[in-house]
Amino acid sequence: MRKSFVLGCSIALFATFGTAHAQDWTKSKWGPDDQIGAANYMTPEIVLKAAGLIKTGKVYGLGIETNSKTPAFPPRTFKVLVLQPGQAGGSGLGPNKTTYNDDIIEGWVGIGSQLDGLGHIGVDWTYYNGNKSGDFAAADGLKKLGIEKVPPIVTRGVLLDMAGYLGTDVVKEGTAFNVAEIEGAAKKQGVEIRQGDVVIFHTGWVSLIGKDDKRYNAGEPGVGVEGAKYLVGKGVVAVGADTWAVEVIPFESKNVFEVHQILIPMSGTYILENMNTAPLAADKAYEFLFVLGAPKITGAVQSIINPIAIR
């Protein structure tokens, strides 16, 4: 009886998602001018409840190090140049000989631990809230849906330890997380997914960086199409993982990055890639206060991030 009830609820949830998006997914339920999507779910009440999750004061940085060796989706690359401007000859500045280092980043923003903004992914040149590429995407920055529009994300974070649930250190590439897997892991951990949450999956995939970059880039376990619709139906703010795309690769069908499409343009749900989840999983820290302030780079599509989990 319980299994039938859960299955019925899941089917109803998908039907609701499907009906709403079949009608016109290009119109945000938060209005024609909305540019923040699922961040609208965050309320002062949700923030206060999330703050109440802090019991030990332990802080976890969820970002990985970003450098020239960080594996990334081709053709993305990254490097840092350090200069000493105006200090030729080693004389320093002024009689007190002030010296300093400055840095220049040469590379792509979508590398390492990153936030995919609502201007990143589209469906046939249509993006979140019906914005057409030709109307807002310009070489000198997005005119709408830029990273600068993302508000501070402070809410309840939920870690789903899929490696632990499946009894492995590193979940096999091509393993899809759909309703059965998501609900199974949540039940085993004794947590529920609520509206306004940030849900992050631990698979062990980041542990391959520097050890087997070829495998790391070739595929990954991740959220399936059914799972993405389920999470959207729950009203989550963002979905993340310790993988470079969050969604399962190889894809479940011939469709390319369909989970990205369901989450970003169709639902306004943010994606958090390459999260450092291992310390949370090791401590069985399955719920926590999640904090992220994205850099306000005007017109940027993505952003390198280091979110914080506090428990």
Protein backbone atom coordinates (compact mmCIF):
# COMPACT_ATOMS: atom_id res chain seq x y z
CA MET A 1 0.00 0.00 0.00
CA ARG A 2 2.77 2.46 0.94
CA LYS A 3 4.71 1.76 -2.28
CA SER A 4 1.56 2.24 -4.37
CA PHE A 5 0.81 5.51 -2.60
CA VAL A 6 4.33 6.87 -3.24
CA LEU A 7 4.21 5.78 -6.87
CA GLY A 8 0.83 7.46 -7.29
CA CYS A 9 2.14 10.69 -5.79
CA SER A 10 5.17 10.59 -8.07
CA ILE A 11 3.02 10.08 -11.16
CA ALA A 12 0.77 12.93 -10.10
CA LEU A 13 3.82 15.13 -9.59
CA PHE A 14 5.11 14.40 -13.10
CA ALA A 15 1.65 15.02 -14.53
CA THR A 16 1.55 18.43 -12.88
CA PHE A 17 5.00 19.30 -14.20
CA GLY A 18 4.17 18.03 -17.68
CA THR A 19 0.85 19.85 -17.91
CA ALA A 20 2.29 23.16 -16.78
CA HIS A 21 5.20 23.01 -19.18
CA ALA A 22 3.15 21.68 -22.08
CA GLN A 23 0.93 24.75 -21.78
CA ASP A 24 3.84 27.20 -22.12
CA TRP A 25 7.10 26.72 -20.28
CA THR A 26 8.36 30.05 -21.66
CA LYS A 27 6.17 31.99 -19.23
CA SER A 28 7.49 32.12 -15.69
CA LYS A 29 4.94 31.71 -12.93
CA TRP A 30 6.66 34.65 -11.24
CA GLY A 31 5.73 37.04 -14.02
CA PRO A 32 7.05 38.29 -17.38
CA ASP A 33 9.85 40.36 -15.85
CA ASP A 34 11.25 37.65 -13.57
CA GLN A 35 14.99 36.98 -13.88
CA ILE A 36 15.73 34.95 -10.74
CA GLY A 37 13.59 31.85 -11.25
CA ALA A 38 13.46 29.31 -8.44
CA ALA A 39 15.28 31.70 -6.10
CA ASN A 40 11.79 33.14 -5.60
CA TYR A 41 11.04 30.13 -3.40
CA MET A 42 13.36 31.48 -0.70
CA THR A 43 11.47 33.35 1.99
CA PRO A 44 12.56 34.82 5.33
CA GLU A 45 10.77 31.92 7.02
CA ILE A 46 12.78 29.36 5.04
CA VAL A 47 16.02 31.18 5.85
CA LEU A 48 15.22 31.26 9.57
CA LYS A 49 14.41 27.53 9.61
CA ALA A 50 17.63 26.78 7.70
CA ALA A 51 19.66 28.80 10.21
CA GLY A 52 18.22 26.58 12.93
CA LEU A 53 20.04 23.61 11.39
CA ILE A 54 23.34 24.89 12.77
CA LYS A 55 24.14 22.64 15.74
CA THR A 56 27.93 22.21 15.74
CA GLY A 57 29.21 25.30 13.93
CA LYS A 58 31.28 23.17 11.55
CA VAL A 59 31.84 24.88 8.20
CA TYR A 60 32.42 23.13 4.88
CA GLY A 61 33.69 24.80 1.71
CA LEU A 62 32.02 23.11 -1.24
CA GLY A 63 34.33 24.49 -3.92
CA ILE A 64 37.27 22.63 -5.45
CA GLU A 65 40.54 24.29 -6.44
CA THR A 66 40.54 25.81 -9.93
CA ASN A 67 43.72 25.89 -11.97
CA SER A 68 45.20 25.15 -15.38
CA LYS A 69 44.93 21.40 -14.75
CA THR A 70 41.28 21.38 -13.75
CA PRO A 71 39.45 19.13 -16.23
CA ALA A 72 36.67 20.94 -18.03
CA PHE A 73 34.10 20.59 -20.79
CA PRO A 74 35.95 21.31 -24.07
CA PRO A 75 37.12 23.83 -25.16
CA ARG A 76 37.21 25.47 -21.73
CA THR A 77 40.62 26.30 -20.27
CA PHE A 78 41.91 28.37 -17.36
CA LYS A 79 45.12 29.98 -16.14
CA VAL A 80 46.29 32.74 -13.82
CA LEU A 81 48.99 35.30 -14.65
CA VAL A 82 50.67 37.13 -11.77
CA LEU A 83 52.29 40.51 -12.46
CA GLN A 84 54.04 43.27 -10.50
CA PRO A 85 52.76 46.38 -12.33
CA GLY A 86 54.91 49.51 -12.24
CA GLN A 87 57.64 47.84 -10.23
CA ALA A 88 60.24 47.33 -12.94
CA GLY A 89 63.77 46.99 -11.64
CA GLY A 90 62.64 45.84 -8.23
CA SER A 91 62.51 49.37 -6.80
CA GLY A 92 59.01 49.21 -5.34
CA LEU A 93 56.65 52.19 -4.98
CA GLY A 94 57.57 55.31 -3.03
CA PRO A 95 60.23 55.79 -0.39
CA ASN A 96 58.64 53.03 1.70
CA LYS A 97 59.20 50.59 -1.20
CA THR A 98 55.66 49.18 -1.36
CA THR A 99 55.52 46.07 -3.49
CA TYR A 100 52.48 44.10 -4.59
CA ASN A 101 51.25 41.31 -6.83
CA ASP A 102 48.26 41.51 -9.16
CA ASP A 103 46.62 38.72 -11.08
CA ILE A 104 44.91 38.30 -14.43
CA ILE A 105 42.62 35.38 -15.23
CA GLU A 106 42.72 34.05 -18.76
CA GLY A 107 40.08 31.44 -19.25
CA TRP A 108 36.47 30.39 -19.19
CA VAL A 109 34.14 31.10 -16.29
CA GLY A 110 32.41 27.72 -16.57
CA ILE A 111 35.19 25.69 -15.00
CA GLY A 112 35.76 24.03 -11.64
CA SER A 113 33.06 24.59 -9.02
CA GLN A 114 30.52 26.68 -10.86
CA LEU A 115 27.03 28.10 -10.88
CA ASP A 116 25.05 27.82 -14.11
CA GLY A 117 22.93 30.95 -14.39
CA LEU A 118 19.55 31.20 -16.08
CA GLY A 119 21.10 32.58 -19.26
CA HIS A 120 23.28 29.52 -19.83
CA ILE A 121 21.03 26.90 -21.42
CA GLY A 122 18.15 27.29 -23.87
CA VAL A 123 15.78 25.32 -26.05
CA ASP A 124 16.12 26.23 -29.73
CA TRP A 125 17.43 29.73 -28.86
CA THR A 126 14.71 30.39 -26.28
CA TYR A 127 15.85 30.81 -22.69
CA TYR A 128 14.26 31.22 -19.27
CA ASN A 129 10.99 33.17 -19.21
CA GLY A 130 10.76 33.21 -23.00
CA ASN A 131 13.84 35.34 -23.59
CA LYS A 132 15.08 34.96 -27.17
CA SER A 133 18.81 34.71 -27.69
CA GLY A 134 18.93 37.50 -30.26
CA ASP A 135 17.25 39.89 -27.83
CA PHE A 136 19.55 39.52 -24.83
CA ALA A 137 22.71 37.54 -25.61
CA ALA A 138 25.53 39.83 -26.73
CA ALA A 139 29.29 39.38 -27.01
CA ASP A 140 29.88 41.98 -24.29
CA GLY A 141 27.55 40.29 -21.80
CA LEU A 142 23.97 39.15 -21.34
CA LYS A 143 21.45 41.99 -21.22
CA LYS A 144 19.10 39.81 -19.14
CA LEU A 145 19.57 36.76 -16.91
CA GLY A 146 23.17 37.67 -16.05
CA ILE A 147 24.84 36.31 -12.92
CA GLU A 148 24.49 39.73 -11.31
CA LYS A 149 20.75 39.05 -11.04
CA VAL A 150 21.23 35.98 -8.82
CA PRO A 151 20.29 36.94 -5.26
CA PRO A 152 22.19 35.59 -2.24
CA ILE A 153 21.14 31.98 -1.83
CA VAL A 154 20.69 31.16 1.85
CA THR A 155 18.52 28.15 2.51
CA ARG A 156 18.38 24.55 3.65
CA GLY A 157 20.86 22.29 1.90
CA VAL A 158 20.28 18.55 1.50
CA LEU A 159 23.03 16.09 0.61
CA LEU A 160 21.99 12.81 -0.99
CA ASP A 161 24.87 10.36 -0.62
CA MET A 162 24.32 8.24 -3.71
CA ALA A 163 27.68 6.50 -3.32
CA GLY A 164 26.70 5.39 0.16
CA TYR A 165 23.20 4.43 -0.95
CA LEU A 166 24.56 2.30 -3.80
CA GLY A 167 27.37 0.83 -1.69
CA THR A 168 30.36 2.12 -3.64
CA ASP A 169 33.11 4.72 -3.40
CA VAL A 170 32.53 6.06 -6.92
CA VAL A 171 29.17 5.64 -8.62
CA LYS A 172 29.49 4.17 -12.11
CA GLU A 173 29.10 6.52 -15.08
CA GLY A 174 25.71 6.28 -16.77
CA THR A 175 23.90 5.66 -13.47
CA ALA A 176 20.74 7.77 -13.51
CA PHE A 177 19.17 9.20 -10.38
CA ASN A 178 15.43 9.15 -10.90
CA VAL A 179 12.50 8.92 -8.49
CA ALA A 180 13.32 5.50 -7.06
CA GLU A 181 16.96 6.39 -6.42
CA ILE A 182 16.26 9.88 -5.05
CA GLU A 183 13.47 8.76 -2.74
CA GLY A 184 15.43 5.65 -1.73
CA ALA A 185 18.51 7.63 -0.70
CA ALA A 186 16.42 10.26 1.10
CA LYS A 187 14.51 7.59 3.03
CA LYS A 188 17.71 5.78 4.01
CA GLN A 189 19.18 9.04 5.32
CA GLY A 190 15.96 10.09 7.06
CA VAL A 191 15.62 13.39 5.19
CA GLU A 192 12.92 14.88 3.01
CA ILE A 193 13.21 17.30 0.11
CA ARG A 194 11.25 20.51 0.64
CA GLN A 195 10.37 23.59 -1.30
CA GLY A 196 13.21 26.10 -1.23
CA ASP A 197 15.95 23.51 -0.73
CA VAL A 198 19.27 23.16 -2.50
CA VAL A 199 19.76 19.47 -3.26
CA ILE A 200 23.31 18.16 -3.82
CA PHE A 201 24.31 14.65 -4.87
CA HIS A 202 27.48 12.90 -3.68
CA THR A 203 28.83 10.33 -6.13
CA GLY A 204 32.58 10.30 -5.45
CA TRP A 205 33.22 11.54 -8.99
CA VAL A 206 35.39 14.53 -8.02
CA SER A 207 37.86 12.10 -6.47
CA LEU A 208 38.86 11.11 -10.02
CA ILE A 209 40.35 14.56 -10.73
CA GLY A 210 44.12 14.26 -11.07
CA LYS A 211 43.88 10.46 -10.95
CA ASP A 212 41.79 9.59 -13.99
CA ASP A 213 40.85 12.80 -15.81
CA LYS A 214 40.03 10.86 -18.97
CA ARG A 215 37.33 8.89 -17.20
CA TYR A 216 36.17 11.98 -15.33
CA ASN A 217 35.49 13.84 -18.59
CA ALA A 218 34.06 10.91 -20.54
CA GLY A 219 30.83 10.43 -18.60
CA GLU A 220 29.30 10.55 -15.15
CA PRO A 221 26.48 9.40 -12.90
CA GLY A 222 23.80 11.98 -12.36
CA VAL A 223 20.24 13.22 -12.37
CA GLY A 224 17.95 11.66 -14.96
CA VAL A 225 15.07 13.30 -16.81
CA GLU A 226 12.48 11.80 -14.46
CA GLY A 227 14.57 12.86 -11.47
CA ALA A 228 14.90 16.42 -12.74
CA LYS A 229 11.13 16.72 -13.15
CA TYR A 230 10.66 15.31 -9.67
CA LEU A 231 13.02 17.85 -8.11
CA VAL A 232 11.40 20.73 -10.01
CA GLY A 233 8.02 19.53 -8.78
CA LYS A 234 9.36 19.73 -5.24
CA GLY A 235 10.24 23.39 -5.76
CA VAL A 236 13.98 23.26 -5.14
CA VAL A 237 16.11 26.35 -5.73
CA ALA A 238 19.16 24.54 -7.13
CA VAL A 239 20.44 21.08 -7.95
CA GLY A 240 24.13 20.25 -7.58
CA ALA A 241 26.58 17.37 -7.59
CA ASP A 242 30.26 16.48 -7.38
CA THR A 243 30.26 16.00 -11.16
CA TRP A 244 30.95 18.35 -14.07
CA ALA A 245 27.43 18.32 -15.54
CA VAL A 246 25.16 17.13 -12.67
CA GLU A 247 23.11 15.07 -15.13
CA VAL A 248 23.71 11.47 -16.16
CA ILE A 249 26.11 10.88 -19.07
CA PRO A 250 25.76 8.96 -21.37
CA PHE A 251 22.33 10.57 -21.70
CA GLU A 252 19.22 8.45 -21.29
CA SER A 253 18.11 9.18 -24.86
CA LYS A 254 19.34 10.94 -27.99
CA ASN A 255 18.48 14.29 -26.39
CA VAL A 256 21.53 16.33 -25.38
CA PHE A 257 21.68 17.97 -21.91
CA GLU A 258 17.93 17.53 -21.50
CA VAL A 259 18.21 17.73 -17.71
CA HIS A 260 19.87 21.13 -18.09
CA GLN A 261 16.90 22.22 -20.21
CA ILE A 262 14.35 20.99 -17.67
CA LEU A 263 16.11 22.71 -14.80
CA ILE A 264 17.25 26.03 -16.26
CA PRO A 265 15.09 27.40 -19.10
CA MET A 266 11.93 25.43 -18.31
CA SER A 267 11.96 25.90 -14.53
CA GLY A 268 14.47 28.56 -13.52
CA THR A 269 16.32 26.07 -11.29
CA TYR A 270 20.04 26.70 -10.85
CA ILE A 271 22.76 24.10 -11.36
CA LEU A 272 25.83 23.72 -9.13
CA GLU A 273 28.64 21.71 -10.71
CA ASN A 274 31.81 20.14 -9.28
CA MET A 275 30.83 20.49 -5.65
CA ASN A 276 33.23 19.14 -3.01
CA THR A 277 30.80 16.82 -1.26
CA ALA A 278 33.16 14.22 0.25
CA PRO A 279 33.58 15.90 3.67
CA LEU A 280 29.81 16.25 4.07
CA ALA A 281 29.28 12.61 3.12
CA ALA A 282 32.03 11.46 5.51
CA ASP A 283 30.33 13.29 8.39
CA LYS A 284 26.86 12.13 7.35
CA ALA A 285 25.91 15.79 7.20
CA TYR A 286 22.71 15.34 5.25
CA GLU A 287 21.08 18.69 6.00
CA PHE A 288 22.72 22.03 6.68
CA LEU A 289 22.55 25.77 6.14
CA PHE A 290 23.61 26.47 2.55
CA VAL A 291 25.10 29.89 1.75
CA LEU A 292 26.15 31.23 -1.65
CA GLY A 293 26.82 34.78 -2.78
CA ALA A 294 27.55 34.70 -6.50
CA PRO A 295 30.01 37.32 -7.83
CA LYS A 296 28.07 40.19 -9.38
CA ILE A 297 29.81 40.17 -12.75
CA THR A 298 27.46 42.07 -15.02
CA GLY A 299 26.28 40.02 -17.96
CA ALA A 300 28.17 36.84 -17.00
CA VAL A 301 26.62 33.50 -17.89
CA GLN A 302 28.26 31.38 -15.20
CA SER A 303 30.44 31.91 -12.17
CA ILE A 304 33.22 30.13 -10.30
CA ILE A 305 31.94 29.62 -6.76
CA ASN A 306 32.79 28.29 -3.32
CA PRO A 307 29.45 27.74 -1.55
CA ILE A 308 29.46 27.18 2.20
CA ALA A 309 27.64 24.51 4.19
CA ILE A 310 27.26 25.03 7.96
CA ARG A 311 25.87 22.39 10.30
